[in-house]
Amino acid sequence: MGKKYPVLKPSEVVTILEKLGFQEVRQRGAHKQMRHPDGRGSTVPCHKGRDLSPIILRQIAKDIDLTVDELLKYR
């Protein structure tokens, strides 16, 4: 059985990414594309009234070459 990760709001994930040095480069619909100056990037779905599942959180962490635990340290 895998480790349980929290369900976060999209705004929380965007704030975490901004603390890590990412900036929003564009938004298309409800998807914000975040990019770091070193080239790493990820897309955060920001649908109104919907939280991000641990699966999406894991994918965002993978996109930016971190583990979910490392990502959550900046929460």
PDB file of N, CA and C in Angstrom:
ATOM      1  N   MET A   1       0.842  -1.180   0.000  1.00  0.00           N
ATOM      2  CA  MET A   1       0.000   0.000   0.000  1.00  0.00           C
ATOM      3  C   MET A   1       0.882   1.236   0.000  1.00  0.00           C
ATOM      4  N   GLY A   2       0.570   2.222  -0.842  1.00  0.00           N
ATOM      5  CA  GLY A   2       1.365   3.435  -0.946  1.00  0.00           C
ATOM      6  C   GLY A   2       1.101   4.416   0.185  1.00  0.00           C
ATOM      7  N   LYS A   3       1.934   5.412   0.230  1.00  0.00           N
ATOM      8  CA  LYS A   3       1.812   6.448   1.245  1.00  0.00           C
ATOM      9  C   LYS A   3       0.642   7.371   0.899  1.00  0.00           C
ATOM     10  N   LYS A   4      -0.081   7.812   1.918  1.00  0.00           N
ATOM     11  CA  LYS A   4      -1.214   8.711   1.702  1.00  0.00           C
ATOM     12  C   LYS A   4      -0.719  10.149   1.632  1.00  0.00           C
ATOM     13  N   TYR A   5      -1.093  10.852   0.585  1.00  0.00           N
ATOM     14  CA  TYR A   5      -0.733  12.256   0.430  1.00  0.00           C
ATOM     15  C   TYR A   5      -1.983  13.104   0.544  1.00  0.00           C
ATOM     16  N   PRO A   6      -1.825  14.352   0.978  1.00  0.00           N
ATOM     17  CA  PRO A   6      -2.995  15.201   1.177  1.00  0.00           C
ATOM     18  C   PRO A   6      -3.621  15.645  -0.141  1.00  0.00           C
ATOM     19  N   VAL A   7      -4.876  16.022  -0.057  1.00  0.00           N
ATOM     20  CA  VAL A   7      -5.583  16.628  -1.175  1.00  0.00           C
ATOM     21  C   VAL A   7      -5.401  18.130  -1.013  1.00  0.00           C
ATOM     22  N   LEU A   8      -4.825  18.772  -2.029  1.00  0.00           N
ATOM     23  CA  LEU A   8      -4.530  20.204  -1.938  1.00  0.00           C
ATOM     24  C   LEU A   8      -5.378  20.998  -2.918  1.00  0.00           C
ATOM     25  N   LYS A   9      -5.550  22.266  -2.609  1.00  0.00           N
ATOM     26  CA  LYS A   9      -6.225  23.183  -3.521  1.00  0.00           C
ATOM     27  C   LYS A   9      -5.202  23.624  -4.573  1.00  0.00           C
ATOM     28  N   PRO A  10      -5.649  23.919  -5.784  1.00  0.00           N
ATOM     29  CA  PRO A  10      -4.715  24.359  -6.827  1.00  0.00           C
ATOM     30  C   PRO A  10      -3.922  25.598  -6.413  1.00  0.00           C
ATOM     31  N   SER A  11      -4.560  26.518  -5.683  1.00  0.00           N
ATOM     32  CA  SER A  11      -3.852  27.730  -5.264  1.00  0.00           C
ATOM     33  C   SER A  11      -2.700  27.401  -4.315  1.00  0.00           C
ATOM     34  N   GLU A  12      -2.860  26.361  -3.489  1.00  0.00           N
ATOM     35  CA  GLU A  12      -1.782  25.940  -2.593  1.00  0.00           C
ATOM     36  C   GLU A  12      -0.589  25.420  -3.390  1.00  0.00           C
ATOM     37  N   VAL A  13      -0.861  24.650  -4.426  1.00  0.00           N
ATOM     38  CA  VAL A  13       0.208  24.090  -5.243  1.00  0.00           C
ATOM     39  C   VAL A  13       0.923  25.204  -6.012  1.00  0.00           C
ATOM     40  N   VAL A  14       0.170  26.178  -6.524  1.00  0.00           N
ATOM     41  CA  VAL A  14       0.777  27.314  -7.230  1.00  0.00           C
ATOM     42  C   VAL A  14       1.682  28.087  -6.271  1.00  0.00           C
ATOM     43  N   THR A  15       1.230  28.299  -5.033  1.00  0.00           N
ATOM     44  CA  THR A  15       2.043  29.000  -4.033  1.00  0.00           C
ATOM     45  C   THR A  15       3.328  28.234  -3.734  1.00  0.00           C
ATOM     46  N   ILE A  16       3.235  26.909  -3.594  1.00  0.00           N
ATOM     47  CA  ILE A  16       4.418  26.080  -3.348  1.00  0.00           C
ATOM     48  C   ILE A  16       5.402  26.233  -4.504  1.00  0.00           C
ATOM     49  N   LEU A  17       4.889  26.164  -5.735  1.00  0.00           N
ATOM     50  CA  LEU A  17       5.766  26.272  -6.901  1.00  0.00           C
ATOM     51  C   LEU A  17       6.421  27.652  -6.972  1.00  0.00           C
ATOM     52  N   GLU A  18       5.681  28.698  -6.600  1.00  0.00           N
ATOM     53  CA  GLU A  18       6.257  30.046  -6.601  1.00  0.00           C
ATOM     54  C   GLU A  18       7.364  30.160  -5.560  1.00  0.00           C
ATOM     55  N   LYS A  19       7.201  29.504  -4.411  1.00  0.00           N
ATOM     56  CA  LYS A  19       8.261  29.490  -3.389  1.00  0.00           C
ATOM     57  C   LYS A  19       9.520  28.801  -3.913  1.00  0.00           C
ATOM     58  N   LEU A  20       9.330  27.844  -4.801  1.00  0.00           N
ATOM     59  CA  LEU A  20      10.458  27.111  -5.381  1.00  0.00           C
ATOM     60  C   LEU A  20      11.089  27.860  -6.557  1.00  0.00           C
ATOM     61  N   GLY A  21      10.548  29.020  -6.915  1.00  0.00           N
ATOM     62  CA  GLY A  21      11.129  29.824  -7.986  1.00  0.00           C
ATOM     63  C   GLY A  21      10.428  29.711  -9.324  1.00  0.00           C
ATOM     64  N   PHE A  22       9.295  29.040  -9.372  1.00  0.00           N
ATOM     65  CA  PHE A  22       8.542  28.908 -10.622  1.00  0.00           C
ATOM     66  C   PHE A  22       7.698  30.148 -10.856  1.00  0.00           C
ATOM     67  N   GLN A  23       7.453  30.449 -12.112  1.00  0.00           N
ATOM     68  CA  GLN A  23       6.590  31.566 -12.483  1.00  0.00           C
ATOM     69  C   GLN A  23       5.533  31.064 -13.469  1.00  0.00           C
ATOM     70  N   GLU A  24       4.373  31.700 -13.412  1.00  0.00           N
ATOM     71  CA  GLU A  24       3.329  31.356 -14.376  1.00  0.00           C
ATOM     72  C   GLU A  24       3.708  31.978 -15.712  1.00  0.00           C
ATOM     73  N   VAL A  25       3.860  31.137 -16.723  1.00  0.00           N
ATOM     74  CA  VAL A  25       4.235  31.654 -18.039  1.00  0.00           C
ATOM     75  C   VAL A  25       3.026  31.874 -18.930  1.00  0.00           C
ATOM     76  N   ARG A  26       1.987  31.078 -18.707  1.00  0.00           N
ATOM     77  CA  ARG A  26       0.743  31.306 -19.441  1.00  0.00           C
ATOM     78  C   ARG A  26      -0.360  30.480 -18.829  1.00  0.00           C
ATOM     79  N   GLN A  27      -1.573  30.817 -19.222  1.00  0.00           N
ATOM     80  CA  GLN A  27      -2.732  30.065 -18.762  1.00  0.00           C
ATOM     81  C   GLN A  27      -3.639  29.851 -19.954  1.00  0.00           C
ATOM     82  N   ARG A  28      -4.071  28.630 -20.105  1.00  0.00           N
ATOM     83  CA  ARG A  28      -5.019  28.323 -21.175  1.00  0.00           C
ATOM     84  C   ARG A  28      -6.216  27.668 -20.517  1.00  0.00           C
ATOM     85  N   GLY A  29      -7.313  28.381 -20.477  1.00  0.00           N
ATOM     86  CA  GLY A  29      -8.486  27.888 -19.784  1.00  0.00           C
ATOM     87  C   GLY A  29      -8.199  27.823 -18.303  1.00  0.00           C
ATOM     88  N   ALA A  30      -8.379  26.646 -17.721  1.00  0.00           N
ATOM     89  CA  ALA A  30      -8.176  26.478 -16.281  1.00  0.00           C
ATOM     90  C   ALA A  30      -6.832  25.826 -15.966  1.00  0.00           C
ATOM     91  N   HIS A  31      -5.896  25.851 -16.910  1.00  0.00           N
ATOM     92  CA  HIS A  31      -4.608  25.195 -16.705  1.00  0.00           C
ATOM     93  C   HIS A  31      -3.485  26.231 -16.719  1.00  0.00           C
ATOM     94  N   LYS A  32      -2.822  26.370 -15.567  1.00  0.00           N
ATOM     95  CA  LYS A  32      -1.702  27.303 -15.455  1.00  0.00           C
ATOM     96  C   LYS A  32      -0.412  26.553 -15.739  1.00  0.00           C
ATOM     97  N   GLN A  33       0.386  27.104 -16.619  1.00  0.00           N
ATOM     98  CA  GLN A  33       1.679  26.507 -16.920  1.00  0.00           C
ATOM     99  C   GLN A  33       2.746  27.263 -16.150  1.00  0.00           C
ATOM    100  N   MET A  34       3.446  26.517 -15.304  1.00  0.00           N
ATOM    101  CA  MET A  34       4.477  27.088 -14.452  1.00  0.00           C
ATOM    102  C   MET A  34       5.840  26.660 -14.989  1.00  0.00           C
ATOM    103  N   ARG A  35       6.798  27.603 -15.000  1.00  0.00           N
ATOM    104  CA  ARG A  35       8.125  27.301 -15.519  1.00  0.00           C
ATOM    105  C   ARG A  35       9.176  27.876 -14.579  1.00  0.00           C
ATOM    106  N   HIS A  36      10.270  27.130 -14.409  1.00  0.00           N
ATOM    107  CA  HIS A  36      11.408  27.553 -13.596  1.00  0.00           C
ATOM    108  C   HIS A  36      12.473  28.091 -14.556  1.00  0.00           C
ATOM    109  N   PRO A  37      13.305  29.050 -14.106  1.00  0.00           N
ATOM    110  CA  PRO A  37      14.348  29.572 -15.002  1.00  0.00           C
ATOM    111  C   PRO A  37      15.297  28.500 -15.550  1.00  0.00           C
ATOM    112  N   ASP A  38      15.442  27.370 -14.857  1.00  0.00           N
ATOM    113  CA  ASP A  38      16.333  26.314 -15.353  1.00  0.00           C
ATOM    114  C   ASP A  38      15.673  25.403 -16.384  1.00  0.00           C
ATOM    115  N   GLY A  39      14.406  25.669 -16.722  1.00  0.00           N
ATOM    116  CA  GLY A  39      13.736  24.918 -17.776  1.00  0.00           C
ATOM    117  C   GLY A  39      12.697  23.920 -17.314  1.00  0.00           C
ATOM    118  N   ARG A  40      12.692  23.571 -16.006  1.00  0.00           N
ATOM    119  CA  ARG A  40      11.685  22.628 -15.515  1.00  0.00           C
ATOM    120  C   ARG A  40      10.311  23.298 -15.575  1.00  0.00           C
ATOM    121  N   GLY A  41       9.286  22.500 -15.796  1.00  0.00           N
ATOM    122  CA  GLY A  41       7.952  23.069 -15.854  1.00  0.00           C
ATOM    123  C   GLY A  41       6.874  22.040 -15.611  1.00  0.00           C
ATOM    124  N   SER A  42       5.690  22.545 -15.281  1.00  0.00           N
ATOM    125  CA  SER A  42       4.551  21.675 -15.045  1.00  0.00           C
ATOM    126  C   SER A  42       3.271  22.469 -15.260  1.00  0.00           C
ATOM    127  N   THR A  43       2.188  21.750 -15.424  1.00  0.00           N
ATOM    128  CA  THR A  43       0.876  22.360 -15.597  1.00  0.00           C
ATOM    129  C   THR A  43       0.027  22.050 -14.374  1.00  0.00           C
ATOM    130  N   VAL A  44      -0.609  23.103 -13.820  1.00  0.00           N
ATOM    131  CA  VAL A  44      -1.468  22.939 -12.653  1.00  0.00           C
ATOM    132  C   VAL A  44      -2.908  23.195 -13.090  1.00  0.00           C
ATOM    133  N   PRO A  45      -3.787  22.191 -13.021  1.00  0.00           N
ATOM    134  CA  PRO A  45      -5.192  22.410 -13.351  1.00  0.00           C
ATOM    135  C   PRO A  45      -5.870  23.190 -12.224  1.00  0.00           C
ATOM    136  N   CYS A  46      -6.492  24.309 -12.558  1.00  0.00           N
ATOM    137  CA  CYS A  46      -7.113  25.180 -11.551  1.00  0.00           C
ATOM    138  C   CYS A  46      -8.614  25.299 -11.813  1.00  0.00           C
ATOM    139  N   HIS A  47      -9.306  24.185 -11.764  1.00  0.00           N
ATOM    140  CA  HIS A  47     -10.741  24.179 -11.995  1.00  0.00           C
ATOM    141  C   HIS A  47     -11.459  24.671 -10.746  1.00  0.00           C
ATOM    142  N   LYS A  48     -12.393  25.566 -10.923  1.00  0.00           N
ATOM    143  CA  LYS A  48     -13.113  26.161  -9.800  1.00  0.00           C
ATOM    144  C   LYS A  48     -13.864  25.085  -9.000  1.00  0.00           C
ATOM    145  N   GLY A  49     -13.652  25.116  -7.690  1.00  0.00           N
ATOM    146  CA  GLY A  49     -14.357  24.188  -6.814  1.00  0.00           C
ATOM    147  C   GLY A  49     -13.807  22.773  -6.791  1.00  0.00           C
ATOM    148  N   ARG A  50     -12.654  22.541  -7.412  1.00  0.00           N
ATOM    149  CA  ARG A  50     -12.085  21.193  -7.452  1.00  0.00           C
ATOM    150  C   ARG A  50     -10.701  21.195  -6.826  1.00  0.00           C
ATOM    151  N   ASP A  51     -10.416  20.171  -6.047  1.00  0.00           N
ATOM    152  CA  ASP A  51      -9.111  20.008  -5.428  1.00  0.00           C
ATOM    153  C   ASP A  51      -8.241  19.120  -6.307  1.00  0.00           C
ATOM    154  N   LEU A  52      -6.924  19.133  -6.031  1.00  0.00           N
ATOM    155  CA  LEU A  52      -6.004  18.288  -6.780  1.00  0.00           C
ATOM    156  C   LEU A  52      -5.834  16.961  -6.054  1.00  0.00           C
ATOM    157  N   SER A  53      -6.024  15.898  -6.758  1.00  0.00           N
ATOM    158  CA  SER A  53      -5.885  14.571  -6.160  1.00  0.00           C
ATOM    159  C   SER A  53      -4.406  14.259  -5.939  1.00  0.00           C
ATOM    160  N   PRO A  54      -4.113  13.308  -5.067  1.00  0.00           N
ATOM    161  CA  PRO A  54      -2.721  12.897  -4.873  1.00  0.00           C
ATOM    162  C   PRO A  54      -2.049  12.410  -6.155  1.00  0.00           C
ATOM    163  N   ILE A  55      -2.824  11.885  -7.085  1.00  0.00           N
ATOM    164  CA  ILE A  55      -2.269  11.424  -8.357  1.00  0.00           C
ATOM    165  C   ILE A  55      -1.722  12.606  -9.154  1.00  0.00           C
ATOM    166  N   ILE A  56      -2.486  13.691  -9.219  1.00  0.00           N
ATOM    167  CA  ILE A  56      -2.044  14.902  -9.926  1.00  0.00           C
ATOM    168  C   ILE A  56      -0.842  15.511  -9.206  1.00  0.00           C
ATOM    169  N   LEU A  57      -0.885  15.525  -7.872  1.00  0.00           N
ATOM    170  CA  LEU A  57       0.225  16.049  -7.078  1.00  0.00           C
ATOM    171  C   LEU A  57       1.514  15.269  -7.367  1.00  0.00           C
ATOM    172  N   ARG A  58       1.390  13.958  -7.457  1.00  0.00           N
ATOM    173  CA  ARG A  58       2.543  13.104  -7.761  1.00  0.00           C
ATOM    174  C   ARG A  58       3.094  13.422  -9.158  1.00  0.00           C
ATOM    175  N   GLN A  59       2.205  13.667 -10.110  1.00  0.00           N
ATOM    176  CA  GLN A  59       2.645  13.981 -11.475  1.00  0.00           C
ATOM    177  C   GLN A  59       3.352  15.331 -11.535  1.00  0.00           C
ATOM    178  N   ILE A  60       2.834  16.328 -10.805  1.00  0.00           N
ATOM    179  CA  ILE A  60       3.474  17.646 -10.776  1.00  0.00           C
ATOM    180  C   ILE A  60       4.875  17.513 -10.166  1.00  0.00           C
ATOM    181  N   ALA A  61       4.991  16.768  -9.069  1.00  0.00           N
ATOM    182  CA  ALA A  61       6.297  16.559  -8.434  1.00  0.00           C
ATOM    183  C   ALA A  61       7.260  15.868  -9.399  1.00  0.00           C
ATOM    184  N   LYS A  62       6.772  14.892 -10.136  1.00  0.00           N
ATOM    185  CA  LYS A  62       7.606  14.168 -11.105  1.00  0.00           C
ATOM    186  C   LYS A  62       8.075  15.112 -12.220  1.00  0.00           C
ATOM    187  N   ASP A  63       7.170  15.979 -12.674  1.00  0.00           N
ATOM    188  CA  ASP A  63       7.503  16.927 -13.742  1.00  0.00           C
ATOM    189  C   ASP A  63       8.651  17.849 -13.350  1.00  0.00           C
ATOM    190  N   ILE A  64       8.732  18.211 -12.069  1.00  0.00           N
ATOM    191  CA  ILE A  64       9.756  19.171 -11.632  1.00  0.00           C
ATOM    192  C   ILE A  64      10.924  18.481 -10.924  1.00  0.00           C
ATOM    193  N   ASP A  65      11.026  17.177 -11.085  1.00  0.00           N
ATOM    194  CA  ASP A  65      12.149  16.391 -10.558  1.00  0.00           C
ATOM    195  C   ASP A  65      12.272  16.444  -9.037  1.00  0.00           C
ATOM    196  N   LEU A  66      11.150  16.376  -8.337  1.00  0.00           N
ATOM    197  CA  LEU A  66      11.125  16.300  -6.877  1.00  0.00           C
ATOM    198  C   LEU A  66      10.230  15.137  -6.470  1.00  0.00           C
ATOM    199  N   THR A  67      10.357  14.725  -5.213  1.00  0.00           N
ATOM    200  CA  THR A  67       9.397  13.768  -4.683  1.00  0.00           C
ATOM    201  C   THR A  67       8.241  14.558  -4.085  1.00  0.00           C
ATOM    202  N   VAL A  68       7.133  13.905  -3.828  1.00  0.00           N
ATOM    203  CA  VAL A  68       5.986  14.585  -3.230  1.00  0.00           C
ATOM    204  C   VAL A  68       6.360  15.093  -1.839  1.00  0.00           C
ATOM    205  N   ASP A  69       7.133  14.322  -1.094  1.00  0.00           N
ATOM    206  CA  ASP A  69       7.559  14.752   0.241  1.00  0.00           C
ATOM    207  C   ASP A  69       8.392  16.023   0.173  1.00  0.00           C
ATOM    208  N   GLU A  70       9.317  16.100  -0.791  1.00  0.00           N
ATOM    209  CA  GLU A  70      10.128  17.311  -0.955  1.00  0.00           C
ATOM    210  C   GLU A  70       9.259  18.503  -1.333  1.00  0.00           C
ATOM    211  N   LEU A  71       8.275  18.257  -2.171  1.00  0.00           N
ATOM    212  CA  LEU A  71       7.368  19.313  -2.597  1.00  0.00           C
ATOM    213  C   LEU A  71       6.550  19.837  -1.412  1.00  0.00           C
ATOM    214  N   LEU A  72       6.090  18.921  -0.571  1.00  0.00           N
ATOM    215  CA  LEU A  72       5.239  19.306   0.567  1.00  0.00           C
ATOM    216  C   LEU A  72       6.003  20.032   1.679  1.00  0.00           C
ATOM    217  N   LYS A  73       7.333  19.945   1.689  1.00  0.00           N
ATOM    218  CA  LYS A  73       8.136  20.671   2.678  1.00  0.00           C
ATOM    219  C   LYS A  73       7.947  22.182   2.547  1.00  0.00           C
ATOM    220  N   TYR A  74       7.626  22.647   1.337  1.00  0.00           N
ATOM    221  CA  TYR A  74       7.466  24.076   1.071  1.00  0.00           C
ATOM    222  C   TYR A  74       6.038  24.570   1.304  1.00  0.00           C
ATOM    223  N   ARG A  75       5.212  23.703   1.808  1.00  0.00           N
ATOM    224  CA  ARG A  75       3.796  24.031   2.037  1.00  0.00           C
ATOM    225  C   ARG A  75       3.623  25.061   3.122  1.00  0.00           C
TER     226      ARG A  75
END
